PDB file of all heavy atoms in Angstrom:
ATOM      1  N   ILE A   1      -6.097  -0.268   8.602  1.00  0.00           N
ATOM      2  CA  ILE A   1      -6.011   0.885   9.498  1.00  0.00           C
ATOM      3  C   ILE A   1      -7.268   1.717   9.535  1.00  0.00           C
ATOM      4  O   ILE A   1      -7.885   1.971  10.597  1.00  0.00           O
ATOM      5  CB  ILE A   1      -4.794   1.758   9.237  1.00  0.00           C
ATOM      6  CG1 ILE A   1      -3.494   0.881   9.127  1.00  0.00           C
ATOM      7  CG2 ILE A   1      -4.592   2.805  10.293  1.00  0.00           C
ATOM      8  CD1 ILE A   1      -3.245  -0.037  10.301  1.00  0.00           C
ATOM      9  N   GLY A   2      -7.689   2.165   8.368  1.00  0.00           N
ATOM     10  CA  GLY A   2      -8.873   3.011   8.286  1.00  0.00           C
ATOM     11  C   GLY A   2     -10.149   2.216   8.431  1.00  0.00           C
ATOM     12  O   GLY A   2     -11.221   2.849   8.710  1.00  0.00           O
ATOM     13  N   SER A   3     -10.088   0.929   8.259  1.00  0.00           N
ATOM     14  CA  SER A   3     -11.343   0.123   8.376  1.00  0.00           C
ATOM     15  C   SER A   3     -11.534  -0.497   9.728  1.00  0.00           C
ATOM     16  O   SER A   3     -12.681  -0.632  10.184  1.00  0.00           O
ATOM     17  CB  SER A   3     -11.333  -1.026   7.320  1.00  0.00           C
ATOM     18  OG  SER A   3     -10.148  -1.838   7.443  1.00  0.00           O
ATOM     19  N   VAL A   4     -10.401  -0.836  10.418  1.00  0.00           N
ATOM     20  CA  VAL A   4     -10.562  -1.507  11.742  1.00  0.00           C
ATOM     21  C   VAL A   4      -9.822  -0.841  12.858  1.00  0.00           C
ATOM     22  O   VAL A   4     -10.432  -0.578  13.936  1.00  0.00           O
ATOM     23  CB  VAL A   4     -10.061  -2.988  11.598  1.00  0.00           C
ATOM     24  CG1 VAL A   4     -10.055  -3.694  12.959  1.00  0.00           C
ATOM     25  CG2 VAL A   4     -10.851  -3.791  10.608  1.00  0.00           C
ATOM     26  N   VAL A   5      -8.582  -0.506  12.685  1.00  0.00           N
ATOM     27  CA  VAL A   5      -7.752  -0.002  13.770  1.00  0.00           C
ATOM     28  C   VAL A   5      -8.175   1.393  14.165  1.00  0.00           C
ATOM     29  O   VAL A   5      -8.494   1.738  15.330  1.00  0.00           O
ATOM     30  CB  VAL A   5      -6.274  -0.065  13.423  1.00  0.00           C
ATOM     31  CG1 VAL A   5      -5.456   0.485  14.617  1.00  0.00           C
ATOM     32  CG2 VAL A   5      -5.822  -1.473  13.083  1.00  0.00           C
ATOM     33  N   PHE A   6      -8.269   2.273  13.135  1.00  0.00           N
ATOM     34  CA  PHE A   6      -8.693   3.675  13.418  1.00  0.00           C
ATOM     35  C   PHE A   6      -9.828   4.075  12.406  1.00  0.00           C
ATOM     36  O   PHE A   6      -9.619   4.918  11.507  1.00  0.00           O
ATOM     37  CB  PHE A   6      -7.532   4.640  13.224  1.00  0.00           C
ATOM     38  CG  PHE A   6      -6.461   4.427  14.305  1.00  0.00           C
ATOM     39  CD1 PHE A   6      -5.208   3.974  13.930  1.00  0.00           C
ATOM     40  CD2 PHE A   6      -6.732   4.682  15.646  1.00  0.00           C
ATOM     41  CE1 PHE A   6      -4.234   3.790  14.914  1.00  0.00           C
ATOM     42  CE2 PHE A   6      -5.754   4.579  16.603  1.00  0.00           C
ATOM     43  CZ  PHE A   6      -4.511   4.082  16.251  1.00  0.00           C
ATOM     44  N   PRO A   7     -11.003   3.524  12.570  1.00  0.00           N
ATOM     45  CA  PRO A   7     -12.114   3.861  11.606  1.00  0.00           C
ATOM     46  C   PRO A   7     -12.515   5.298  11.740  1.00  0.00           C
ATOM     47  O   PRO A   7     -13.152   5.827  10.801  1.00  0.00           O
ATOM     48  CB  PRO A   7     -13.204   2.905  12.076  1.00  0.00           C
ATOM     49  CG  PRO A   7     -12.907   2.516  13.450  1.00  0.00           C
ATOM     50  CD  PRO A   7     -11.416   2.487  13.569  1.00  0.00           C
ATOM     51  N   ASN A   8     -12.151   5.980  12.875  1.00  0.00           N
ATOM     52  CA  ASN A   8     -12.531   7.375  13.025  1.00  0.00           C
ATOM     53  C   ASN A   8     -11.291   8.261  12.880  1.00  0.00           C
ATOM     54  O   ASN A   8     -11.237   9.417  13.448  1.00  0.00           O
ATOM     55  CB  ASN A   8     -13.192   7.579  14.413  1.00  0.00           C
ATOM     56  CG  ASN A   8     -14.520   6.855  14.514  1.00  0.00           C
ATOM     57  OD1 ASN A   8     -15.357   6.886  13.578  1.00  0.00           O
ATOM     58  ND2 ASN A   8     -14.672   6.178  15.608  1.00  0.00           N
ATOM     59  N   ALA A   9     -10.250   7.804  12.102  1.00  0.00           N
ATOM     60  CA  ALA A   9      -9.105   8.615  11.951  1.00  0.00           C
ATOM     61  C   ALA A   9      -9.466   9.973  11.278  1.00  0.00           C
ATOM     62  O   ALA A   9     -10.485  10.058  10.577  1.00  0.00           O
ATOM     63  CB  ALA A   9      -8.182   7.841  10.949  1.00  0.00           C
ATOM     64  N   ASP A  10      -8.702  10.979  11.567  1.00  0.00           N
ATOM     65  CA  ASP A  10      -8.898  12.287  11.010  1.00  0.00           C
ATOM     66  C   ASP A  10      -8.968  12.261   9.524  1.00  0.00           C
ATOM     67  O   ASP A  10      -9.755  12.967   8.875  1.00  0.00           O
ATOM     68  CB  ASP A  10      -7.966  13.297  11.528  1.00  0.00           C
ATOM     69  CG  ASP A  10      -8.019  13.466  13.086  1.00  0.00           C
ATOM     70  OD1 ASP A  10      -9.039  14.059  13.532  1.00  0.00           O
ATOM     71  OD2 ASP A  10      -7.086  12.992  13.754  1.00  0.00           O
ATOM     72  N   LEU A  11      -8.026  11.512   8.915  1.00  0.00           N
ATOM     73  CA  LEU A  11      -7.900  11.390   7.444  1.00  0.00           C
ATOM     74  C   LEU A  11      -7.570   9.947   7.140  1.00  0.00           C
ATOM     75  O   LEU A  11      -6.800   9.330   7.804  1.00  0.00           O
ATOM     76  CB  LEU A  11      -6.830  12.308   6.913  1.00  0.00           C
ATOM     77  CG  LEU A  11      -7.093  13.831   6.973  1.00  0.00           C
ATOM     78  CD1 LEU A  11      -5.822  14.581   6.600  1.00  0.00           C
ATOM     79  CD2 LEU A  11      -8.226  14.163   6.047  1.00  0.00           C
ATOM     80  N   LYS A  12      -8.199   9.455   6.091  1.00  0.00           N
ATOM     81  CA  LYS A  12      -7.968   8.071   5.622  1.00  0.00           C
ATOM     82  C   LYS A  12      -7.674   8.070   4.131  1.00  0.00           C
ATOM     83  O   LYS A  12      -8.349   8.769   3.359  1.00  0.00           O
ATOM     84  CB  LYS A  12      -9.191   7.179   5.929  1.00  0.00           C
ATOM     85  CG  LYS A  12      -9.504   7.059   7.370  1.00  0.00           C
ATOM     86  CD  LYS A  12     -10.549   6.032   7.668  1.00  0.00           C
ATOM     87  CE  LYS A  12     -11.978   6.463   7.310  1.00  0.00           C
ATOM     88  NZ  LYS A  12     -12.920   5.463   7.799  1.00  0.00           N
ATOM     89  N   PHE A  13      -6.609   7.327   3.739  1.00  0.00           N
ATOM     90  CA  PHE A  13      -6.223   7.236   2.383  1.00  0.00           C
ATOM     91  C   PHE A  13      -6.011   5.781   2.005  1.00  0.00           C
ATOM     92  O   PHE A  13      -5.529   4.965   2.813  1.00  0.00           O
ATOM     93  CB  PHE A  13      -4.918   7.998   2.095  1.00  0.00           C
ATOM     94  CG  PHE A  13      -5.100   9.489   2.377  1.00  0.00           C
ATOM     95  CD1 PHE A  13      -4.771  10.001   3.618  1.00  0.00           C
ATOM     96  CD2 PHE A  13      -5.520  10.330   1.387  1.00  0.00           C
ATOM     97  CE1 PHE A  13      -4.946  11.321   3.904  1.00  0.00           C
ATOM     98  CE2 PHE A  13      -5.676  11.716   1.635  1.00  0.00           C
ATOM     99  CZ  PHE A  13      -5.358  12.199   2.875  1.00  0.00           C
ATOM    100  N   PHE A  14      -6.318   5.447   0.830  1.00  0.00           N
ATOM    101  CA  PHE A  14      -6.112   4.086   0.255  1.00  0.00           C
ATOM    102  C   PHE A  14      -5.247   4.218  -0.999  1.00  0.00           C
ATOM    103  O   PHE A  14      -5.681   4.745  -1.985  1.00  0.00           O
ATOM    104  CB  PHE A  14      -7.427   3.379  -0.071  1.00  0.00           C
ATOM    105  CG  PHE A  14      -7.230   1.987  -0.534  1.00  0.00           C
ATOM    106  CD1 PHE A  14      -7.094   0.961   0.413  1.00  0.00           C
ATOM    107  CD2 PHE A  14      -7.324   1.629  -1.879  1.00  0.00           C
ATOM    108  CE1 PHE A  14      -6.922  -0.360  -0.001  1.00  0.00           C
ATOM    109  CE2 PHE A  14      -7.201   0.266  -2.274  1.00  0.00           C
ATOM    110  CZ  PHE A  14      -6.959  -0.700  -1.331  1.00  0.00           C
ATOM    111  N   LEU A  15      -4.002   3.758  -0.886  1.00  0.00           N
ATOM    112  CA  LEU A  15      -3.082   3.798  -2.028  1.00  0.00           C
ATOM    113  C   LEU A  15      -3.133   2.532  -2.853  1.00  0.00           C
ATOM    114  O   LEU A  15      -3.220   1.429  -2.305  1.00  0.00           O
ATOM    115  CB  LEU A  15      -1.651   4.015  -1.551  1.00  0.00           C
ATOM    116  CG  LEU A  15      -1.423   5.187  -0.569  1.00  0.00           C
ATOM    117  CD1 LEU A  15       0.086   5.369  -0.286  1.00  0.00           C
ATOM    118  CD2 LEU A  15      -2.037   6.452  -1.052  1.00  0.00           C
ATOM    119  N   HIS A  16      -3.125   2.671  -4.155  1.00  0.00           N
ATOM    120  CA  HIS A  16      -3.140   1.482  -5.048  1.00  0.00           C
ATOM    121  C   HIS A  16      -2.367   1.821  -6.347  1.00  0.00           C
ATOM    122  O   HIS A  16      -2.086   2.973  -6.617  1.00  0.00           O
ATOM    123  CB  HIS A  16      -4.608   1.111  -5.403  1.00  0.00           C
ATOM    124  CG  HIS A  16      -5.333   2.230  -6.141  1.00  0.00           C
ATOM    125  ND1 HIS A  16      -5.444   2.241  -7.487  1.00  0.00           N
ATOM    126  CD2 HIS A  16      -6.020   3.279  -5.673  1.00  0.00           C
ATOM    127  CE1 HIS A  16      -6.157   3.321  -7.847  1.00  0.00           C
ATOM    128  NE2 HIS A  16      -6.549   3.917  -6.792  1.00  0.00           N
ATOM    129  N   ALA A  17      -1.990   0.775  -6.974  1.00  0.00           N
ATOM    130  CA  ALA A  17      -1.242   0.905  -8.271  1.00  0.00           C
ATOM    131  C   ALA A  17      -1.350  -0.433  -9.045  1.00  0.00           C
ATOM    132  O   ALA A  17      -1.620  -1.490  -8.415  1.00  0.00           O
ATOM    133  CB  ALA A  17       0.197   1.284  -7.997  1.00  0.00           C
ATOM    134  N   ASP A  18      -1.105  -0.400 -10.260  1.00  0.00           N
ATOM    135  CA  ASP A  18      -1.123  -1.605 -11.104  1.00  0.00           C
ATOM    136  C   ASP A  18      -0.130  -2.628 -10.537  1.00  0.00           C
ATOM    137  O   ASP A  18       0.896  -2.254 -10.031  1.00  0.00           O
ATOM    138  CB  ASP A  18      -0.753  -1.207 -12.546  1.00  0.00           C
ATOM    139  CG  ASP A  18      -0.715  -2.393 -13.456  1.00  0.00           C
ATOM    140  OD1 ASP A  18      -1.757  -2.886 -13.889  1.00  0.00           O
ATOM    141  OD2 ASP A  18       0.434  -2.880 -13.724  1.00  0.00           O
ATOM    142  N   LEU A  19      -0.512  -3.910 -10.644  1.00  0.00           N
ATOM    143  CA  LEU A  19       0.329  -5.016 -10.113  1.00  0.00           C
ATOM    144  C   LEU A  19       1.714  -4.911 -10.673  1.00  0.00           C
ATOM    145  O   LEU A  19       2.704  -5.123  -9.955  1.00  0.00           O
ATOM    146  CB  LEU A  19      -0.296  -6.351 -10.486  1.00  0.00           C
ATOM    147  CG  LEU A  19       0.507  -7.581 -10.085  1.00  0.00           C
ATOM    148  CD1 LEU A  19       0.639  -7.637  -8.535  1.00  0.00           C
ATOM    149  CD2 LEU A  19      -0.178  -8.862 -10.576  1.00  0.00           C
ATOM    150  N   HIS A  20       1.866  -4.667 -12.019  1.00  0.00           N
ATOM    151  CA  HIS A  20       3.225  -4.601 -12.603  1.00  0.00           C
ATOM    152  C   HIS A  20       4.060  -3.504 -11.968  1.00  0.00           C
ATOM    153  O   HIS A  20       5.303  -3.711 -11.723  1.00  0.00           O
ATOM    154  CB  HIS A  20       3.078  -4.363 -14.112  1.00  0.00           C
ATOM    155  CG  HIS A  20       4.392  -4.163 -14.798  1.00  0.00           C
ATOM    156  ND1 HIS A  20       5.272  -5.216 -15.033  1.00  0.00           N
ATOM    157  CD2 HIS A  20       4.969  -3.063 -15.310  1.00  0.00           C
ATOM    158  CE1 HIS A  20       6.375  -4.738 -15.719  1.00  0.00           C
ATOM    159  NE2 HIS A  20       6.182  -3.461 -15.875  1.00  0.00           N
ATOM    160  N   ILE A  21       3.494  -2.378 -11.692  1.00  0.00           N
ATOM    161  CA  ILE A  21       4.205  -1.280 -11.135  1.00  0.00           C
ATOM    162  C   ILE A  21       4.637  -1.573  -9.735  1.00  0.00           C
ATOM    163  O   ILE A  21       5.762  -1.341  -9.322  1.00  0.00           O
ATOM    164  CB  ILE A  21       3.342   0.020 -11.116  1.00  0.00           C
ATOM    165  CG1 ILE A  21       3.074   0.520 -12.572  1.00  0.00           C
ATOM    166  CG2 ILE A  21       3.999   1.110 -10.259  1.00  0.00           C
ATOM    167  CD1 ILE A  21       2.111   1.662 -12.662  1.00  0.00           C
ATOM    168  N   ARG A  22       3.743  -2.216  -8.942  1.00  0.00           N
ATOM    169  CA  ARG A  22       4.028  -2.595  -7.557  1.00  0.00           C
ATOM    170  C   ARG A  22       5.152  -3.642  -7.492  1.00  0.00           C
ATOM    171  O   ARG A  22       6.060  -3.575  -6.654  1.00  0.00           O
ATOM    172  CB  ARG A  22       2.783  -3.058  -6.832  1.00  0.00           C
ATOM    173  CG  ARG A  22       1.793  -1.941  -6.604  1.00  0.00           C
ATOM    174  CD  ARG A  22       0.660  -2.353  -5.727  1.00  0.00           C
ATOM    175  NE  ARG A  22      -0.272  -3.316  -6.378  1.00  0.00           N
ATOM    176  CZ  ARG A  22      -0.565  -4.538  -5.864  1.00  0.00           C
ATOM    177  NH1 ARG A  22       0.014  -4.928  -4.725  1.00  0.00           N
ATOM    178  NH2 ARG A  22      -1.415  -5.309  -6.498  1.00  0.00           N
ATOM    179  N   GLN A  23       5.128  -4.610  -8.430  1.00  0.00           N
ATOM    180  CA  GLN A  23       6.132  -5.670  -8.473  1.00  0.00           C
ATOM    181  C   GLN A  23       7.512  -5.020  -8.775  1.00  0.00           C
ATOM    182  O   GLN A  23       8.507  -5.423  -8.219  1.00  0.00           O
ATOM    183  CB  GLN A  23       5.774  -6.720  -9.481  1.00  0.00           C
ATOM    184  CG  GLN A  23       6.621  -7.940  -9.468  1.00  0.00           C
ATOM    185  CD  GLN A  23       6.390  -8.756  -8.256  1.00  0.00           C
ATOM    186  OE1 GLN A  23       5.338  -9.361  -8.076  1.00  0.00           O
ATOM    187  NE2 GLN A  23       7.415  -8.964  -7.384  1.00  0.00           N
ATOM    188  N   LYS A  24       7.517  -4.094  -9.686  1.00  0.00           N
ATOM    189  CA  LYS A  24       8.775  -3.434 -10.115  1.00  0.00           C
ATOM    190  C   LYS A  24       9.355  -2.677  -8.952  1.00  0.00           C
ATOM    191  O   LYS A  24      10.587  -2.663  -8.716  1.00  0.00           O
ATOM    192  CB  LYS A  24       8.487  -2.502 -11.287  1.00  0.00           C
ATOM    193  CG  LYS A  24       9.778  -1.823 -11.855  1.00  0.00           C
ATOM    194  CD  LYS A  24       9.382  -1.014 -13.098  1.00  0.00           C
ATOM    195  CE  LYS A  24      10.635  -0.359 -13.632  1.00  0.00           C
ATOM    196  NZ  LYS A  24      10.306   0.480 -14.872  1.00  0.00           N
ATOM    197  N   ARG A  25       8.503  -2.056  -8.164  1.00  0.00           N
ATOM    198  CA  ARG A  25       8.987  -1.274  -6.947  1.00  0.00           C
ATOM    199  C   ARG A  25       9.604  -2.245  -5.963  1.00  0.00           C
ATOM    200  O   ARG A  25      10.617  -1.900  -5.330  1.00  0.00           O
ATOM    201  CB  ARG A  25       7.781  -0.544  -6.299  1.00  0.00           C
ATOM    202  CG  ARG A  25       7.278   0.692  -7.073  1.00  0.00           C
ATOM    203  CD  ARG A  25       6.000   1.147  -6.462  1.00  0.00           C
ATOM    204  NE  ARG A  25       5.459   2.314  -7.130  1.00  0.00           N
ATOM    205  CZ  ARG A  25       4.232   2.865  -6.828  1.00  0.00           C
ATOM    206  NH1 ARG A  25       3.480   2.268  -5.992  1.00  0.00           N
ATOM    207  NH2 ARG A  25       3.846   3.881  -7.500  1.00  0.00           N
ATOM    208  N   ARG A  26       9.051  -3.391  -5.810  1.00  0.00           N
ATOM    209  CA  ARG A  26       9.601  -4.361  -4.824  1.00  0.00           C
ATOM    210  C   ARG A  26      10.959  -4.805  -5.242  1.00  0.00           C
ATOM    211  O   ARG A  26      11.841  -4.953  -4.447  1.00  0.00           O
ATOM    212  CB  ARG A  26       8.614  -5.542  -4.731  1.00  0.00           C
ATOM    213  CG  ARG A  26       7.216  -5.201  -4.248  1.00  0.00           C
ATOM    214  CD  ARG A  26       7.169  -4.808  -2.767  1.00  0.00           C
ATOM    215  NE  ARG A  26       7.244  -5.978  -1.918  1.00  0.00           N
ATOM    216  CZ  ARG A  26       7.156  -5.920  -0.606  1.00  0.00           C
ATOM    217  NH1 ARG A  26       7.049  -4.743   0.030  1.00  0.00           N
ATOM    218  NH2 ARG A  26       7.191  -6.990   0.161  1.00  0.00           N
ATOM    219  N   ILE A  27      11.160  -5.036  -6.538  1.00  0.00           N
ATOM    220  CA  ILE A  27      12.445  -5.481  -7.052  1.00  0.00           C
ATOM    221  C   ILE A  27      13.461  -4.371  -6.827  1.00  0.00           C
ATOM    222  O   ILE A  27      14.560  -4.646  -6.405  1.00  0.00           O
ATOM    223  CB  ILE A  27      12.291  -5.854  -8.518  1.00  0.00           C
ATOM    224  CG1 ILE A  27      11.415  -7.086  -8.679  1.00  0.00           C
ATOM    225  CG2 ILE A  27      13.664  -6.108  -9.092  1.00  0.00           C
ATOM    226  CD1 ILE A  27      11.131  -7.478 -10.100  1.00  0.00           C
ATOM    227  N   VAL A  28      13.074  -3.131  -7.068  1.00  0.00           N
ATOM    228  CA  VAL A  28      13.957  -2.009  -6.869  1.00  0.00           C
ATOM    229  C   VAL A  28      14.419  -1.882  -5.405  1.00  0.00           C
ATOM    230  O   VAL A  28      15.551  -1.578  -5.082  1.00  0.00           O
ATOM    231  CB  VAL A  28      13.331  -0.634  -7.351  1.00  0.00           C
ATOM    232  CG1 VAL A  28      14.198   0.514  -6.869  1.00  0.00           C
ATOM    233  CG2 VAL A  28      13.154  -0.636  -8.850  1.00  0.00           C
ATOM    234  N   ASP A  29      13.470  -2.238  -4.558  1.00  0.00           N
ATOM    235  CA  ASP A  29      13.704  -2.234  -3.060  1.00  0.00           C
ATOM    236  C   ASP A  29      14.533  -3.473  -2.621  1.00  0.00           C
ATOM    237  O   ASP A  29      14.883  -3.609  -1.464  1.00  0.00           O
ATOM    238  CB  ASP A  29      12.407  -2.129  -2.267  1.00  0.00           C
ATOM    239  CG  ASP A  29      11.717  -0.796  -2.424  1.00  0.00           C
ATOM    240  OD1 ASP A  29      12.429   0.161  -2.765  1.00  0.00           O
ATOM    241  OD2 ASP A  29      10.499  -0.699  -2.163  1.00  0.00           O
ATOM    242  N   GLY A  30      14.826  -4.367  -3.567  1.00  0.00           N
ATOM    243  CA  GLY A  30      15.571  -5.532  -3.224  1.00  0.00           C
ATOM    244  C   GLY A  30      14.775  -6.670  -2.679  1.00  0.00           C
ATOM    245  O   GLY A  30      15.303  -7.604  -2.060  1.00  0.00           O
ATOM    246  N   GLU A  31      13.430  -6.561  -2.852  1.00  0.00           N
ATOM    247  CA  GLU A  31      12.581  -7.662  -2.326  1.00  0.00           C
ATOM    248  C   GLU A  31      11.915  -8.415  -3.477  1.00  0.00           C
ATOM    249  O   GLU A  31      11.433  -7.814  -4.425  1.00  0.00           O
ATOM    250  CB  GLU A  31      11.511  -7.080  -1.401  1.00  0.00           C
ATOM    251  CG  GLU A  31      12.059  -6.449  -0.139  1.00  0.00           C
ATOM    252  CD  GLU A  31      10.990  -6.147   0.877  1.00  0.00           C
ATOM    253  OE1 GLU A  31      10.181  -7.035   1.179  1.00  0.00           O
ATOM    254  OE2 GLU A  31      10.975  -5.036   1.370  1.00  0.00           O
ATOM    255  N   ARG A  32      11.893  -9.718  -3.314  1.00  0.00           N
ATOM    256  CA  ARG A  32      11.248 -10.565  -4.324  1.00  0.00           C
ATOM    257  C   ARG A  32      10.231 -11.456  -3.626  1.00  0.00           C
ATOM    258  O   ARG A  32      10.528 -12.325  -2.849  1.00  0.00           O
ATOM    259  CB  ARG A  32      12.244 -11.373  -5.064  1.00  0.00           C
ATOM    260  CG  ARG A  32      13.290 -10.597  -5.869  1.00  0.00           C
ATOM    261  CD  ARG A  32      14.263 -11.474  -6.688  1.00  0.00           C
ATOM    262  NE  ARG A  32      15.165 -10.645  -7.379  1.00  0.00           N
ATOM    263  CZ  ARG A  32      14.932 -10.233  -8.615  1.00  0.00           C
ATOM    264  NH1 ARG A  32      13.803 -10.514  -9.223  1.00  0.00           N
ATOM    265  NH2 ARG A  32      15.838  -9.494  -9.263  1.00  0.00           N
ATOM    266  N   ASP A  33       8.928 -11.164  -3.928  1.00  0.00           N
ATOM    267  CA  ASP A  33       7.885 -11.973  -3.312  1.00  0.00           C
ATOM    268  C   ASP A  33       6.718 -11.967  -4.271  1.00  0.00           C
ATOM    269  O   ASP A  33       6.605 -11.166  -5.231  1.00  0.00           O
ATOM    270  CB  ASP A  33       7.447 -11.484  -1.932  1.00  0.00           C
ATOM    271  CG  ASP A  33       7.089  -9.997  -1.921  1.00  0.00           C
ATOM    272  OD1 ASP A  33       7.344  -9.355  -2.889  1.00  0.00           O
ATOM    273  OD2 ASP A  33       6.517  -9.541  -0.883  1.00  0.00           O
TER     274      ASP A  33
END
């Protein structure tokens, strides 16, 4: 989004987290991938 779709967006944020944390969140959301 911030790199291609709206490179001139008023505000741009990049969210990140450790792989283990992200995987745990997916499981809590009921998704396994």
